[in-house]
Amino acid sequence: MGDESSGLHNSEIKHKFLKIYDLSEEDLCCPVCQEVFRDPVLLSCSHSFCKDCLKRWWRERPTHECPVCKKRSVYEPPLNRALKNLYDDDVKVCPLKVSVSVQQMS
């Protein structure tokens, strides 16, 4: 359900969230699991994944390639702090079913 006290529904909140952060739905979810990023890591090719999704992918493919572009990674990927901070501050569930603090949208 939307937050009826504010008059905003989840779809309106999601639209505002995407507009404020200039993001698309693809930017908000891991390409492997299709869920909101959990402990997002950033590869040298600039693609981001959940840390656990990438570890599972790499266990099956020891060449340590990117699941999207297949570029090889030669180092342990760092935490994607921008995505981590974004989700810690605003997103409570998968953005495809966004629940954002309405006070932050006003």
PDB file of N, CA and C in Angstrom:
ATOM      1  N   MET A   1       0.825  -1.186   0.000  1.00  0.00           N
ATOM      2  CA  MET A   1       0.000   0.000   0.000  1.00  0.00           C
ATOM      3  C   MET A   1       0.865   1.244   0.000  1.00  0.00           C
ATOM      4  N   GLY A   2       0.349   2.322  -0.566  1.00  0.00           N
ATOM      5  CA  GLY A   2       1.059   3.587  -0.530  1.00  0.00           C
ATOM      6  C   GLY A   2       0.900   4.235   0.826  1.00  0.00           C
ATOM      7  N   ASP A   3       1.609   5.293   1.061  1.00  0.00           N
ATOM      8  CA  ASP A   3       1.492   6.040   2.301  1.00  0.00           C
ATOM      9  C   ASP A   3       0.303   6.983   2.132  1.00  0.00           C
ATOM     10  N   GLU A   4      -0.872   6.552   2.596  1.00  0.00           N
ATOM     11  CA  GLU A   4      -2.096   7.288   2.349  1.00  0.00           C
ATOM     12  C   GLU A   4      -2.133   8.612   3.093  1.00  0.00           C
ATOM     13  N   SER A   5      -1.434   8.727   4.216  1.00  0.00           N
ATOM     14  CA  SER A   5      -1.442   9.985   4.958  1.00  0.00           C
ATOM     15  C   SER A   5      -0.777  11.104   4.164  1.00  0.00           C
ATOM     16  N   SER A   6       0.127  10.781   3.284  1.00  0.00           N
ATOM     17  CA  SER A   6       0.800  11.803   2.483  1.00  0.00           C
ATOM     18  C   SER A   6       0.129  12.006   1.140  1.00  0.00           C
ATOM     19  N   GLY A   7      -0.761  11.088   0.779  1.00  0.00           N
ATOM     20  CA  GLY A   7      -1.412  11.180  -0.513  1.00  0.00           C
ATOM     21  C   GLY A   7      -0.565  10.630  -1.651  1.00  0.00           C
ATOM     22  N   LEU A   8       0.617  10.097  -1.350  1.00  0.00           N
ATOM     23  CA  LEU A   8       1.491   9.532  -2.375  1.00  0.00           C
ATOM     24  C   LEU A   8       1.378   8.013  -2.371  1.00  0.00           C
ATOM     25  N   HIS A   9       1.319   7.422  -3.559  1.00  0.00           N
ATOM     26  CA  HIS A   9       1.315   5.975  -3.691  1.00  0.00           C
ATOM     27  C   HIS A   9       2.722   5.524  -4.061  1.00  0.00           C
ATOM     28  N   ASN A  10       2.996   4.230  -3.897  1.00  0.00           N
ATOM     29  CA  ASN A  10       4.344   3.707  -4.168  1.00  0.00           C
ATOM     30  C   ASN A  10       4.842   4.067  -5.561  1.00  0.00           C
ATOM     31  N   SER A  11       3.974   4.013  -6.580  1.00  0.00           N
ATOM     32  CA  SER A  11       4.436   4.329  -7.934  1.00  0.00           C
ATOM     33  C   SER A  11       4.864   5.795  -8.039  1.00  0.00           C
ATOM     34  N   GLU A  12       4.156   6.680  -7.349  1.00  0.00           N
ATOM     35  CA  GLU A  12       4.539   8.097  -7.355  1.00  0.00           C
ATOM     36  C   GLU A  12       5.860   8.301  -6.608  1.00  0.00           C
ATOM     37  N   ILE A  13       6.013   7.601  -5.507  1.00  0.00           N
ATOM     38  CA  ILE A  13       7.245   7.696  -4.725  1.00  0.00           C
ATOM     39  C   ILE A  13       8.418   7.185  -5.547  1.00  0.00           C
ATOM     40  N   LYS A  14       8.223   6.037  -6.196  1.00  0.00           N
ATOM     41  CA  LYS A  14       9.283   5.473  -7.033  1.00  0.00           C
ATOM     42  C   LYS A  14       9.672   6.460  -8.129  1.00  0.00           C
ATOM     43  N   HIS A  15       8.683   7.048  -8.797  1.00  0.00           N
ATOM     44  CA  HIS A  15       8.959   7.996  -9.874  1.00  0.00           C
ATOM     45  C   HIS A  15       9.764   9.191  -9.354  1.00  0.00           C
ATOM     46  N   LYS A  16       9.372   9.739  -8.199  1.00  0.00           N
ATOM     47  CA  LYS A  16      10.111  10.862  -7.611  1.00  0.00           C
ATOM     48  C   LYS A  16      11.528  10.452  -7.242  1.00  0.00           C
ATOM     49  N   PHE A  17      11.668   9.268  -6.640  1.00  0.00           N
ATOM     50  CA  PHE A  17      12.981   8.753  -6.240  1.00  0.00           C
ATOM     51  C   PHE A  17      13.897   8.657  -7.461  1.00  0.00           C
ATOM     52  N   LEU A  18      13.406   8.050  -8.545  1.00  0.00           N
ATOM     53  CA  LEU A  18      14.212   7.891  -9.753  1.00  0.00           C
ATOM     54  C   LEU A  18      14.573   9.249 -10.342  1.00  0.00           C
ATOM     55  N   LYS A  19      13.646  10.189 -10.314  1.00  0.00           N
ATOM     56  CA  LYS A  19      13.894  11.515 -10.866  1.00  0.00           C
ATOM     57  C   LYS A  19      14.910  12.291 -10.020  1.00  0.00           C
ATOM     58  N   ILE A  20      14.750  12.264  -8.699  1.00  0.00           N
ATOM     59  CA  ILE A  20      15.665  12.979  -7.802  1.00  0.00           C
ATOM     60  C   ILE A  20      17.098  12.509  -8.004  1.00  0.00           C
ATOM     61  N   TYR A  21      17.285  11.205  -8.083  1.00  0.00           N
ATOM     62  CA  TYR A  21      18.632  10.652  -8.201  1.00  0.00           C
ATOM     63  C   TYR A  21      19.059  10.434  -9.649  1.00  0.00           C
ATOM     64  N   ASP A  22      18.210  10.837 -10.614  1.00  0.00           N
ATOM     65  CA  ASP A  22      18.509  10.682 -12.032  1.00  0.00           C
ATOM     66  C   ASP A  22      18.933   9.249 -12.345  1.00  0.00           C
ATOM     67  N   LEU A  23      18.077   8.293 -11.939  1.00  0.00           N
ATOM     68  CA  LEU A  23      18.364   6.876 -12.115  1.00  0.00           C
ATOM     69  C   LEU A  23      17.256   6.195 -12.907  1.00  0.00           C
ATOM     70  N   SER A  24      17.588   5.069 -13.496  1.00  0.00           N
ATOM     71  CA  SER A  24      16.585   4.203 -14.105  1.00  0.00           C
ATOM     72  C   SER A  24      16.425   2.989 -13.197  1.00  0.00           C
ATOM     73  N   GLU A  25      15.391   2.191 -13.431  1.00  0.00           N
ATOM     74  CA  GLU A  25      15.187   1.000 -12.608  1.00  0.00           C
ATOM     75  C   GLU A  25      16.370   0.038 -12.723  1.00  0.00           C
ATOM     76  N   GLU A  26      17.002  -0.009 -13.904  1.00  0.00           N
ATOM     77  CA  GLU A  26      18.158  -0.884 -14.078  1.00  0.00           C
ATOM     78  C   GLU A  26      19.329  -0.480 -13.188  1.00  0.00           C
ATOM     79  N   ASP A  27      19.430   0.810 -12.871  1.00  0.00           N
ATOM     80  CA  ASP A  27      20.514   1.303 -12.025  1.00  0.00           C
ATOM     81  C   ASP A  27      20.360   0.855 -10.582  1.00  0.00           C
ATOM     82  N   LEU A  28      19.161   0.451 -10.204  1.00  0.00           N
ATOM     83  CA  LEU A  28      18.860   0.187  -8.806  1.00  0.00           C
ATOM     84  C   LEU A  28      18.914  -1.274  -8.401  1.00  0.00           C
ATOM     85  N   CYS A  29      19.033  -2.182  -9.362  1.00  0.00           N
ATOM     86  CA  CYS A  29      19.002  -3.608  -9.044  1.00  0.00           C
ATOM     87  C   CYS A  29      20.214  -4.332  -9.630  1.00  0.00           C
ATOM     88  N   CYS A  30      20.641  -5.351  -8.935  1.00  0.00           N
ATOM     89  CA  CYS A  30      21.760  -6.186  -9.375  1.00  0.00           C
ATOM     90  C   CYS A  30      21.381  -6.919 -10.662  1.00  0.00           C
ATOM     91  N   PRO A  31      22.243  -6.886 -11.686  1.00  0.00           N
ATOM     92  CA  PRO A  31      21.937  -7.579 -12.933  1.00  0.00           C
ATOM     93  C   PRO A  31      21.897  -9.106 -12.794  1.00  0.00           C
ATOM     94  N   VAL A  32      22.507  -9.647 -11.737  1.00  0.00           N
ATOM     95  CA  VAL A  32      22.516 -11.100 -11.551  1.00  0.00           C
ATOM     96  C   VAL A  32      21.233 -11.575 -10.874  1.00  0.00           C
ATOM     97  N   CYS A  33      20.889 -10.996  -9.728  1.00  0.00           N
ATOM     98  CA  CYS A  33      19.728 -11.476  -8.958  1.00  0.00           C
ATOM     99  C   CYS A  33      18.461 -10.665  -9.215  1.00  0.00           C
ATOM    100  N   GLN A  34      18.588  -9.519  -9.875  1.00  0.00           N
ATOM    101  CA  GLN A  34      17.461  -8.637 -10.177  1.00  0.00           C
ATOM    102  C   GLN A  34      16.787  -8.073  -8.925  1.00  0.00           C
ATOM    103  N   GLU A  35      17.497  -8.041  -7.814  1.00  0.00           N
ATOM    104  CA  GLU A  35      16.982  -7.476  -6.568  1.00  0.00           C
ATOM    105  C   GLU A  35      17.801  -6.231  -6.223  1.00  0.00           C
ATOM    106  N   VAL A  36      17.316  -5.480  -5.237  1.00  0.00           N
ATOM    107  CA  VAL A  36      18.056  -4.317  -4.775  1.00  0.00           C
ATOM    108  C   VAL A  36      19.456  -4.776  -4.349  1.00  0.00           C
ATOM    109  N   PHE A  37      20.467  -3.962  -4.642  1.00  0.00           N
ATOM    110  CA  PHE A  37      21.842  -4.330  -4.317  1.00  0.00           C
ATOM    111  C   PHE A  37      22.013  -4.596  -2.827  1.00  0.00           C
ATOM    112  N   ARG A  38      22.710  -5.685  -2.498  1.00  0.00           N
ATOM    113  CA  ARG A  38      23.119  -5.973  -1.127  1.00  0.00           C
ATOM    114  C   ARG A  38      24.644  -5.961  -1.110  1.00  0.00           C
ATOM    115  N   ASP A  39      25.238  -5.124  -0.302  1.00  0.00           N
ATOM    116  CA  ASP A  39      26.692  -4.965  -0.267  1.00  0.00           C
ATOM    117  C   ASP A  39      27.242  -4.821  -1.687  1.00  0.00           C
ATOM    118  N   PRO A  40      26.848  -3.762  -2.394  1.00  0.00           N
ATOM    119  CA  PRO A  40      27.248  -3.610  -3.793  1.00  0.00           C
ATOM    120  C   PRO A  40      28.752  -3.403  -3.955  1.00  0.00           C
ATOM    121  N   VAL A  41      29.309  -4.093  -4.942  1.00  0.00           N
ATOM    122  CA  VAL A  41      30.714  -3.933  -5.280  1.00  0.00           C
ATOM    123  C   VAL A  41      30.814  -3.413  -6.709  1.00  0.00           C
ATOM    124  N   LEU A  42      31.929  -2.757  -7.012  1.00  0.00           N
ATOM    125  CA  LEU A  42      32.134  -2.104  -8.296  1.00  0.00           C
ATOM    126  C   LEU A  42      33.331  -2.721  -9.009  1.00  0.00           C
ATOM    127  N   LEU A  43      33.104  -3.221 -10.212  1.00  0.00           N
ATOM    128  CA  LEU A  43      34.208  -3.772 -11.013  1.00  0.00           C
ATOM    129  C   LEU A  43      34.903  -2.658 -11.797  1.00  0.00           C
ATOM    130  N   SER A  44      36.083  -2.950 -12.299  1.00  0.00           N
ATOM    131  CA  SER A  44      36.857  -1.950 -13.052  1.00  0.00           C
ATOM    132  C   SER A  44      36.139  -1.512 -14.325  1.00  0.00           C
ATOM    133  N   CYS A  45      35.208  -2.325 -14.819  1.00  0.00           N
ATOM    134  CA  CYS A  45      34.434  -1.971 -16.015  1.00  0.00           C
ATOM    135  C   CYS A  45      33.250  -1.057 -15.676  1.00  0.00           C
ATOM    136  N   SER A  46      33.106  -0.726 -14.398  1.00  0.00           N
ATOM    137  CA  SER A  46      32.055   0.158 -13.879  1.00  0.00           C
ATOM    138  C   SER A  46      30.707  -0.511 -13.668  1.00  0.00           C
ATOM    139  N   HIS A  47      30.619  -1.821 -13.812  1.00  0.00           N
ATOM    140  CA  HIS A  47      29.379  -2.524 -13.494  1.00  0.00           C
ATOM    141  C   HIS A  47      29.358  -2.867 -12.007  1.00  0.00           C
ATOM    142  N   SER A  48      28.175  -2.807 -11.404  1.00  0.00           N
ATOM    143  CA  SER A  48      28.014  -3.112  -9.985  1.00  0.00           C
ATOM    144  C   SER A  48      27.159  -4.359  -9.800  1.00  0.00           C
ATOM    145  N   PHE A  49      27.456  -5.085  -8.701  1.00  0.00           N
ATOM    146  CA  PHE A  49      26.754  -6.324  -8.369  1.00  0.00           C
ATOM    147  C   PHE A  49      26.694  -6.462  -6.862  1.00  0.00           C
ATOM    148  N   CYS A  50      25.752  -7.288  -6.387  1.00  0.00           N
ATOM    149  CA  CYS A  50      25.781  -7.670  -4.978  1.00  0.00           C
ATOM    150  C   CYS A  50      27.075  -8.457  -4.768  1.00  0.00           C
ATOM    151  N   LYS A  51      27.715  -8.253  -3.647  1.00  0.00           N
ATOM    152  CA  LYS A  51      28.971  -8.950  -3.367  1.00  0.00           C
ATOM    153  C   LYS A  51      28.794 -10.467  -3.453  1.00  0.00           C
ATOM    154  N   ASP A  52      27.729 -10.992  -2.837  1.00  0.00           N
ATOM    155  CA  ASP A  52      27.503 -12.441  -2.856  1.00  0.00           C
ATOM    156  C   ASP A  52      27.171 -12.963  -4.245  1.00  0.00           C
ATOM    157  N   CYS A  53      26.422 -12.187  -5.027  1.00  0.00           N
ATOM    158  CA  CYS A  53      26.108 -12.608  -6.405  1.00  0.00           C
ATOM    159  C   CYS A  53      27.384 -12.743  -7.226  1.00  0.00           C
ATOM    160  N   LEU A  54      28.271 -11.757  -7.082  1.00  0.00           N
ATOM    161  CA  LEU A  54      29.519 -11.793  -7.835  1.00  0.00           C
ATOM    162  C   LEU A  54      30.397 -12.958  -7.389  1.00  0.00           C
ATOM    163  N   LYS A  55      30.451 -13.202  -6.091  1.00  0.00           N
ATOM    164  CA  LYS A  55      31.243 -14.340  -5.590  1.00  0.00           C
ATOM    165  C   LYS A  55      30.722 -15.654  -6.160  1.00  0.00           C
ATOM    166  N   ARG A  56      29.396 -15.826  -6.174  1.00  0.00           N
ATOM    167  CA  ARG A  56      28.818 -17.057  -6.738  1.00  0.00           C
ATOM    168  C   ARG A  56      29.139 -17.165  -8.221  1.00  0.00           C
ATOM    169  N   TRP A  57      29.015 -16.052  -8.934  1.00  0.00           N
ATOM    170  CA  TRP A  57      29.307 -16.029 -10.376  1.00  0.00           C
ATOM    171  C   TRP A  57      30.760 -16.443 -10.607  1.00  0.00           C
ATOM    172  N   TRP A  58      31.662 -15.884  -9.828  1.00  0.00           N
ATOM    173  CA  TRP A  58      33.083 -16.172 -10.003  1.00  0.00           C
ATOM    174  C   TRP A  58      33.451 -17.590  -9.574  1.00  0.00           C
ATOM    175  N   ARG A  59      32.734 -18.169  -8.643  1.00  0.00           N
ATOM    176  CA  ARG A  59      33.002 -19.573  -8.284  1.00  0.00           C
ATOM    177  C   ARG A  59      32.732 -20.482  -9.478  1.00  0.00           C
ATOM    178  N   GLU A  60      31.721 -20.149 -10.268  1.00  0.00           N
ATOM    179  CA  GLU A  60      31.365 -20.942 -11.443  1.00  0.00           C
ATOM    180  C   GLU A  60      32.229 -20.598 -12.654  1.00  0.00           C
ATOM    181  N   ARG A  61      32.853 -19.433 -12.635  1.00  0.00           N
ATOM    182  CA  ARG A  61      33.679 -18.967 -13.747  1.00  0.00           C
ATOM    183  C   ARG A  61      34.992 -18.428 -13.190  1.00  0.00           C
ATOM    184  N   PRO A  62      35.968 -19.263 -13.022  1.00  0.00           N
ATOM    185  CA  PRO A  62      37.212 -18.859 -12.358  1.00  0.00           C
ATOM    186  C   PRO A  62      38.015 -17.788 -13.087  1.00  0.00           C
ATOM    187  N   THR A  63      37.591 -17.371 -14.262  1.00  0.00           N
ATOM    188  CA  THR A  63      38.316 -16.308 -14.972  1.00  0.00           C
ATOM    189  C   THR A  63      38.016 -14.930 -14.398  1.00  0.00           C
ATOM    190  N   HIS A  64      37.084 -14.843 -13.437  1.00  0.00           N
ATOM    191  CA  HIS A  64      36.701 -13.578 -12.799  1.00  0.00           C
ATOM    192  C   HIS A  64      36.295 -12.531 -13.823  1.00  0.00           C
ATOM    193  N   GLU A  65      35.327 -12.896 -14.638  1.00  0.00           N
ATOM    194  CA  GLU A  65      34.828 -11.968 -15.645  1.00  0.00           C
ATOM    195  C   GLU A  65      33.558 -11.273 -15.154  1.00  0.00           C
ATOM    196  N   CYS A  66      33.295 -10.111 -15.719  1.00  0.00           N
ATOM    197  CA  CYS A  66      32.079  -9.364 -15.406  1.00  0.00           C
ATOM    198  C   CYS A  66      30.882 -10.109 -15.985  1.00  0.00           C
ATOM    199  N   PRO A  67      29.825 -10.309 -15.207  1.00  0.00           N
ATOM    200  CA  PRO A  67      28.633 -10.988 -15.726  1.00  0.00           C
ATOM    201  C   PRO A  67      27.938 -10.241 -16.860  1.00  0.00           C
ATOM    202  N   VAL A  68      28.185  -8.943 -16.991  1.00  0.00           N
ATOM    203  CA  VAL A  68      27.520  -8.152 -18.028  1.00  0.00           C
ATOM    204  C   VAL A  68      28.372  -8.062 -19.291  1.00  0.00           C
ATOM    205  N   CYS A  69      29.598  -7.559 -19.160  1.00  0.00           N
ATOM    206  CA  CYS A  69      30.413  -7.296 -20.355  1.00  0.00           C
ATOM    207  C   CYS A  69      31.530  -8.318 -20.588  1.00  0.00           C
ATOM    208  N   LYS A  70      31.721  -9.216 -19.625  1.00  0.00           N
ATOM    209  CA  LYS A  70      32.727 -10.297 -19.710  1.00  0.00           C
ATOM    210  C   LYS A  70      34.170  -9.828 -19.577  1.00  0.00           C
ATOM    211  N   LYS A  71      34.377  -8.551 -19.240  1.00  0.00           N
ATOM    212  CA  LYS A  71      35.741  -8.058 -19.015  1.00  0.00           C
ATOM    213  C   LYS A  71      36.297  -8.708 -17.753  1.00  0.00           C
ATOM    214  N   ARG A  72      37.554  -9.116 -17.802  1.00  0.00           N
ATOM    215  CA  ARG A  72      38.183  -9.759 -16.643  1.00  0.00           C
ATOM    216  C   ARG A  72      38.552  -8.751 -15.572  1.00  0.00           C
ATOM    217  N   SER A  73      38.400  -9.172 -14.340  1.00  0.00           N
ATOM    218  CA  SER A  73      38.798  -8.357 -13.189  1.00  0.00           C
ATOM    219  C   SER A  73      40.023  -9.014 -12.570  1.00  0.00           C
ATOM    220  N   VAL A  74      41.013  -8.204 -12.244  1.00  0.00           N
ATOM    221  CA  VAL A  74      42.253  -8.768 -11.707  1.00  0.00           C
ATOM    222  C   VAL A  74      42.412  -8.508 -10.219  1.00  0.00           C
ATOM    223  N   TYR A  75      41.439  -7.835  -9.623  1.00  0.00           N
ATOM    224  CA  TYR A  75      41.540  -7.533  -8.194  1.00  0.00           C
ATOM    225  C   TYR A  75      40.183  -7.736  -7.532  1.00  0.00           C
ATOM    226  N   GLU A  76      40.201  -7.803  -6.220  1.00  0.00           N
ATOM    227  CA  GLU A  76      38.964  -7.908  -5.440  1.00  0.00           C
ATOM    228  C   GLU A  76      38.207  -6.584  -5.564  1.00  0.00           C
ATOM    229  N   PRO A  77      36.958  -6.605  -6.019  1.00  0.00           N
ATOM    230  CA  PRO A  77      36.240  -5.345  -6.233  1.00  0.00           C
ATOM    231  C   PRO A  77      35.914  -4.624  -4.921  1.00  0.00           C
ATOM    232  N   PRO A  78      36.051  -3.315  -4.927  1.00  0.00           N
ATOM    233  CA  PRO A  78      35.736  -2.526  -3.726  1.00  0.00           C
ATOM    234  C   PRO A  78      34.233  -2.340  -3.573  1.00  0.00           C
ATOM    235  N   LEU A  79      33.837  -1.970  -2.368  1.00  0.00           N
ATOM    236  CA  LEU A  79      32.453  -1.627  -2.077  1.00  0.00           C
ATOM    237  C   LEU A  79      32.061  -0.408  -2.912  1.00  0.00           C
ATOM    238  N   ASN A  80      30.889  -0.443  -3.502  1.00  0.00           N
ATOM    239  CA  ASN A  80      30.365   0.718  -4.216  1.00  0.00           C
ATOM    240  C   ASN A  80      29.643   1.577  -3.181  1.00  0.00           C
ATOM    241  N   ARG A  81      30.382   2.509  -2.584  1.00  0.00           N
ATOM    242  CA  ARG A  81      29.855   3.321  -1.482  1.00  0.00           C
ATOM    243  C   ARG A  81      28.678   4.190  -1.903  1.00  0.00           C
ATOM    244  N   ALA A  82      28.675   4.666  -3.135  1.00  0.00           N
ATOM    245  CA  ALA A  82      27.573   5.510  -3.597  1.00  0.00           C
ATOM    246  C   ALA A  82      26.255   4.735  -3.565  1.00  0.00           C
ATOM    247  N   LEU A  83      26.272   3.519  -4.103  1.00  0.00           N
ATOM    248  CA  LEU A  83      25.058   2.701  -4.073  1.00  0.00           C
ATOM    249  C   LEU A  83      24.707   2.280  -2.646  1.00  0.00           C
ATOM    250  N   LYS A  84      25.699   1.885  -1.886  1.00  0.00           N
ATOM    251  CA  LYS A  84      25.460   1.453  -0.506  1.00  0.00           C
ATOM    252  C   LYS A  84      24.819   2.575   0.305  1.00  0.00           C
ATOM    253  N   ASN A  85      25.352   3.776   0.204  1.00  0.00           N
ATOM    254  CA  ASN A  85      24.801   4.907   0.945  1.00  0.00           C
ATOM    255  C   ASN A  85      23.399   5.265   0.472  1.00  0.00           C
ATOM    256  N   LEU A  86      23.165   5.181  -0.812  1.00  0.00           N
ATOM    257  CA  LEU A  86      21.852   5.480  -1.366  1.00  0.00           C
ATOM    258  C   LEU A  86      20.803   4.554  -0.771  1.00  0.00           C
ATOM    259  N   TYR A  87      21.086   3.265  -0.742  1.00  0.00           N
ATOM    260  CA  TYR A  87      20.118   2.302  -0.236  1.00  0.00           C
ATOM    261  C   TYR A  87      19.982   2.376   1.269  1.00  0.00           C
ATOM    262  N   ASP A  88      21.078   2.573   1.967  1.00  0.00           N
ATOM    263  CA  ASP A  88      21.011   2.666   3.423  1.00  0.00           C
ATOM    264  C   ASP A  88      20.153   3.846   3.854  1.00  0.00           C
ATOM    265  N   ASP A  89      20.206   4.940   3.084  1.00  0.00           N
ATOM    266  CA  ASP A  89      19.487   6.154   3.457  1.00  0.00           C
ATOM    267  C   ASP A  89      18.026   6.149   3.021  1.00  0.00           C
ATOM    268  N   ASP A  90      17.725   5.586   1.851  1.00  0.00           N
ATOM    269  CA  ASP A  90      16.412   5.795   1.269  1.00  0.00           C
ATOM    270  C   ASP A  90      15.563   4.550   1.007  1.00  0.00           C
ATOM    271  N   VAL A  91      16.144   3.485   0.520  1.00  0.00           N
ATOM    272  CA  VAL A  91      15.353   2.368   0.036  1.00  0.00           C
ATOM    273  C   VAL A  91      15.191   1.308   1.115  1.00  0.00           C
ATOM    274  N   LYS A  92      13.963   0.906   1.341  1.00  0.00           N
ATOM    275  CA  LYS A  92      13.676  -0.095   2.357  1.00  0.00           C
ATOM    276  C   LYS A  92      13.376  -1.455   1.745  1.00  0.00           C
ATOM    277  N   VAL A  93      12.917  -1.485   0.505  1.00  0.00           N
ATOM    278  CA  VAL A  93      12.646  -2.727  -0.225  1.00  0.00           C
ATOM    279  C   VAL A  93      13.101  -2.509  -1.659  1.00  0.00           C
ATOM    280  N   CYS A  94      13.005  -3.544  -2.479  1.00  0.00           N
ATOM    281  CA  CYS A  94      13.418  -3.413  -3.880  1.00  0.00           C
ATOM    282  C   CYS A  94      12.742  -2.211  -4.513  1.00  0.00           C
ATOM    283  N   PRO A  95      13.492  -1.353  -5.204  1.00  0.00           N
ATOM    284  CA  PRO A  95      12.930  -0.149  -5.808  1.00  0.00           C
ATOM    285  C   PRO A  95      11.810  -0.429  -6.797  1.00  0.00           C
ATOM    286  N   LEU A  96      11.709  -1.647  -7.291  1.00  0.00           N
ATOM    287  CA  LEU A  96      10.600  -1.954  -8.179  1.00  0.00           C
ATOM    288  C   LEU A  96       9.289  -1.961  -7.398  1.00  0.00           C
ATOM    289  N   LYS A  97       9.398  -2.025  -6.070  1.00  0.00           N
ATOM    290  CA  LYS A  97       8.248  -1.931  -5.171  1.00  0.00           C
ATOM    291  C   LYS A  97       8.618  -0.912  -4.106  1.00  0.00           C
ATOM    292  N   VAL A  98       9.069   0.269  -4.533  1.00  0.00           N
ATOM    293  CA  VAL A  98       9.721   1.245  -3.669  1.00  0.00           C
ATOM    294  C   VAL A  98       8.888   1.629  -2.454  1.00  0.00           C
ATOM    295  N   SER A  99       9.586   1.742  -1.331  1.00  0.00           N
ATOM    296  CA  SER A  99       9.027   2.305  -0.105  1.00  0.00           C
ATOM    297  C   SER A  99      10.055   3.276   0.411  1.00  0.00           C
ATOM    298  N   VAL A 100       9.897   4.549   0.101  1.00  0.00           N
ATOM    299  CA  VAL A 100      10.865   5.573   0.455  1.00  0.00           C
ATOM    300  C   VAL A 100      10.240   6.475   1.519  1.00  0.00           C
ATOM    301  N   SER A 101      11.061   6.961   2.404  1.00  0.00           N
ATOM    302  CA  SER A 101      10.586   7.885   3.421  1.00  0.00           C
ATOM    303  C   SER A 101       9.995   9.116   2.736  1.00  0.00           C
ATOM    304  N   VAL A 102       8.704   9.335   2.928  1.00  0.00           N
ATOM    305  CA  VAL A 102       8.021  10.416   2.240  1.00  0.00           C
ATOM    306  C   VAL A 102       8.554  11.774   2.687  1.00  0.00           C
ATOM    307  N   GLN A 103       9.018  11.899   3.906  1.00  0.00           N
ATOM    308  CA  GLN A 103       9.554  13.172   4.371  1.00  0.00           C
ATOM    309  C   GLN A 103      10.750  13.597   3.523  1.00  0.00           C
ATOM    310  N   GLN A 104      11.535  12.643   3.046  1.00  0.00           N
ATOM    311  CA  GLN A 104      12.707  12.979   2.241  1.00  0.00           C
ATOM    312  C   GLN A 104      12.307  13.440   0.847  1.00  0.00           C
ATOM    313  N   MET A 105      11.088  13.120   0.421  1.00  0.00           N
ATOM    314  CA  MET A 105      10.640  13.473  -0.918  1.00  0.00           C
ATOM    315  C   MET A 105       9.967  14.841  -0.941  1.00  0.00           C
ATOM    316  N   SER A 106       9.589  15.370   0.212  1.00  0.00           N
ATOM    317  CA  SER A 106       8.842  16.635   0.257  1.00  0.00           C
ATOM    318  C   SER A 106       9.745  17.821   0.056  1.00  0.00           C
TER     319      SER A 106
END
